[in-house]
Protein backbone atom coordinates (compact mmCIF):
# COMPACT_ATOMS: atom_id res chain seq x y z
CA MET A 1 -0.11 0.07 0.09
CA LYS A 2 3.14 2.34 0.60
CA ALA A 3 3.31 2.34 -3.39
CA TRP A 4 -0.16 3.16 -4.04
CA ASN A 5 -0.16 5.89 -1.24
CA ALA A 6 2.98 7.38 -3.09
CA HIS A 7 1.39 7.22 -6.39
CA ASP A 8 4.48 5.19 -7.48
CA VAL A 9 2.92 3.20 -10.26
CA GLU A 10 6.19 1.64 -11.39
CA ALA A 11 6.74 0.23 -7.59
CA VAL A 12 2.98 -1.28 -7.94
CA LEU A 13 3.64 -2.74 -11.30
CA ALA A 14 6.77 -4.88 -10.08
CA HIS A 15 4.45 -7.18 -8.46
CA PHE A 16 2.67 -8.30 -11.72
CA HIS A 17 3.08 -10.28 -14.80
CA GLU A 18 3.56 -9.16 -18.13
CA ASP A 19 0.49 -10.93 -18.96
CA VAL A 20 -1.59 -9.73 -16.19
CA ARG A 21 -5.14 -9.43 -16.62
CA PHE A 22 -7.17 -6.77 -14.56
CA ALA A 23 -11.12 -6.18 -14.28
CA SER A 24 -12.37 -3.30 -12.49
CA PRO A 25 -15.73 -1.45 -12.82
CA ILE A 26 -13.65 1.70 -12.08
CA ALA A 27 -12.16 0.94 -15.58
CA ALA A 28 -15.35 0.45 -17.16
CA ALA A 29 -16.26 3.83 -16.54
CA MET A 30 -12.80 5.62 -17.22
CA LEU A 31 -11.72 3.60 -20.19
CA PRO A 32 -15.43 3.73 -22.79
CA GLY A 33 -14.93 0.36 -24.84
CA SER A 34 -12.85 -1.40 -22.36
CA SER A 35 -15.61 -3.23 -20.60
CA GLY A 36 -13.46 -2.85 -17.70
CA VAL A 37 -11.12 -5.39 -18.65
CA ILE A 38 -7.20 -4.00 -18.73
CA SER A 39 -4.65 -6.51 -20.69
CA GLY A 40 -1.29 -6.57 -20.27
CA LYS A 41 1.42 -4.66 -17.90
CA ALA A 42 1.73 -1.90 -20.29
CA ALA A 43 -1.94 -1.29 -20.56
CA LEU A 44 -2.48 -1.53 -16.54
CA ARG A 45 0.47 0.89 -16.46
CA GLU A 46 -1.60 2.99 -18.82
CA TYR A 47 -4.76 3.07 -17.19
CA TRP A 48 -3.37 3.46 -13.74
CA THR A 49 -1.49 6.68 -14.62
CA VAL A 50 -4.85 8.04 -16.33
CA ALA A 51 -6.61 6.65 -12.64
CA LEU A 52 -4.32 8.70 -10.32
CA ASN A 53 -4.90 11.86 -12.71
CA ARG A 54 -8.46 11.59 -12.30
CA VAL A 55 -8.56 10.64 -8.71
CA PRO A 56 -5.17 12.98 -7.31
CA ASP A 57 -6.38 12.45 -3.54
CA LEU A 58 -6.47 8.51 -3.82
CA ARG A 59 -4.98 6.83 -0.96
CA PHE A 60 -5.83 3.50 0.76
CA THR A 61 -5.73 1.95 4.59
CA ILE A 62 -5.74 -1.60 4.59
CA GLU A 63 -8.51 -3.10 6.82
CA ASN A 64 -7.87 -6.86 6.66
CA VAL A 65 -6.02 -9.04 3.90
CA PHE A 66 -7.26 -12.77 3.18
CA GLN A 67 -5.24 -15.63 1.90
CA GLY A 68 -5.90 -18.40 -0.09
CA VAL A 69 -4.11 -21.00 -2.22
CA GLY A 70 -2.62 -18.62 -4.63
CA ILE A 71 -4.68 -15.94 -4.21
CA VAL A 72 -5.07 -12.91 -1.99
CA VAL A 73 -8.10 -10.68 -0.87
CA ILE A 74 -7.37 -7.41 0.28
CA GLU A 75 -9.87 -5.07 1.88
CA TYR A 76 -9.30 -1.21 2.45
CA ARG A 77 -10.69 1.88 2.64
CA ASN A 78 -10.22 4.31 0.18
CA GLN A 79 -9.68 8.75 0.74
CA LYS A 80 -13.78 8.74 0.04
CA ASP A 81 -13.84 6.05 3.45
CA VAL A 82 -15.48 3.54 0.65
CA LEU A 83 -15.19 -0.29 1.69
CA VAL A 84 -13.26 -1.86 -1.45
CA SER A 85 -11.79 -5.49 -2.01
CA GLU A 86 -9.07 -6.34 -4.70
CA VAL A 87 -9.04 -9.90 -5.34
CA LEU A 88 -5.25 -10.59 -6.59
CA ILE A 89 -4.20 -13.93 -8.29
CA PHE A 90 -1.13 -15.01 -8.05
CA ASP A 91 1.41 -17.71 -10.53
CA GLY A 92 4.06 -18.06 -7.87
CA GLU A 93 5.14 -13.94 -6.59
CA LYS A 94 3.87 -12.11 -9.60
CA VAL A 95 -0.25 -11.17 -10.14
CA THR A 96 -1.63 -12.96 -13.31
CA ALA A 97 -4.84 -11.69 -12.62
CA GLY A 98 -6.77 -8.94 -10.45
CA TYR A 99 -10.14 -7.73 -9.76
CA GLY A 100 -11.23 -4.55 -8.30
CA THR A 101 -15.00 -4.69 -6.43
CA TYR A 102 -17.11 -1.74 -5.24
CA PRO A 103 -20.39 -1.43 -3.36
CA PRO A 104 -22.86 -0.77 -6.09
CA SER A 105 -24.69 1.66 -4.22
CA VAL A 106 -22.05 4.17 -3.75
CA GLU A 107 -21.95 6.52 -6.57
CA ASN A 108 -17.97 7.21 -8.00
CA PRO A 109 -16.72 5.07 -5.40
CA ALA A 110 -13.53 6.10 -6.46
CA GLY A 111 -14.02 9.46 -6.39
CA ALA A 112 -12.53 9.98 -10.02
CA GLN A 113 -12.88 13.57 -11.64
CA VAL A 114 -14.76 14.06 -14.67
CA ASP A 115 -12.11 13.65 -17.71
CA SER A 116 -12.64 16.37 -20.60
CA ARG A 117 -10.83 14.90 -23.28
CA PRO A 118 -12.59 12.80 -25.56
CA ASP A 119 -12.93 9.57 -25.09
CA ARG A 120 -9.75 7.03 -26.24
CA PRO A 121 -9.21 3.67 -25.51
CA ILE A 122 -6.37 1.99 -23.31
CA ALA A 123 -3.93 -0.24 -25.96
CA GLN A 124 -4.52 -3.71 -24.91
CA ASP A 125 -1.23 -5.91 -25.09
CA ASN A 126 -2.02 -8.75 -27.71
């Protein structure tokens, strides 16, 4: 969480596999046409960079961590005091898949600012 709270995308990405897939309703809202699914580390870098620009006060406080076989669930509160869970699936020490989950009853749960730029899709690694 230190890397996230420092907005250090490269430090966060160090834990992710090159072929990672990440899905989140926030990605769906920020990236029209993505269906909320980001494929590949380069595309994830681009998405998180865009997201940090739209949520400049982003910060997380860990509430709980749950561990299974090859999977970790991190429950945290964001800067809006919204309780969020992130599901991370591992292959060895690298995350190969991630899922951001948010309460459906909260409008704009990440606190993203409106993007005034024209819609542009994030490039997906193939």
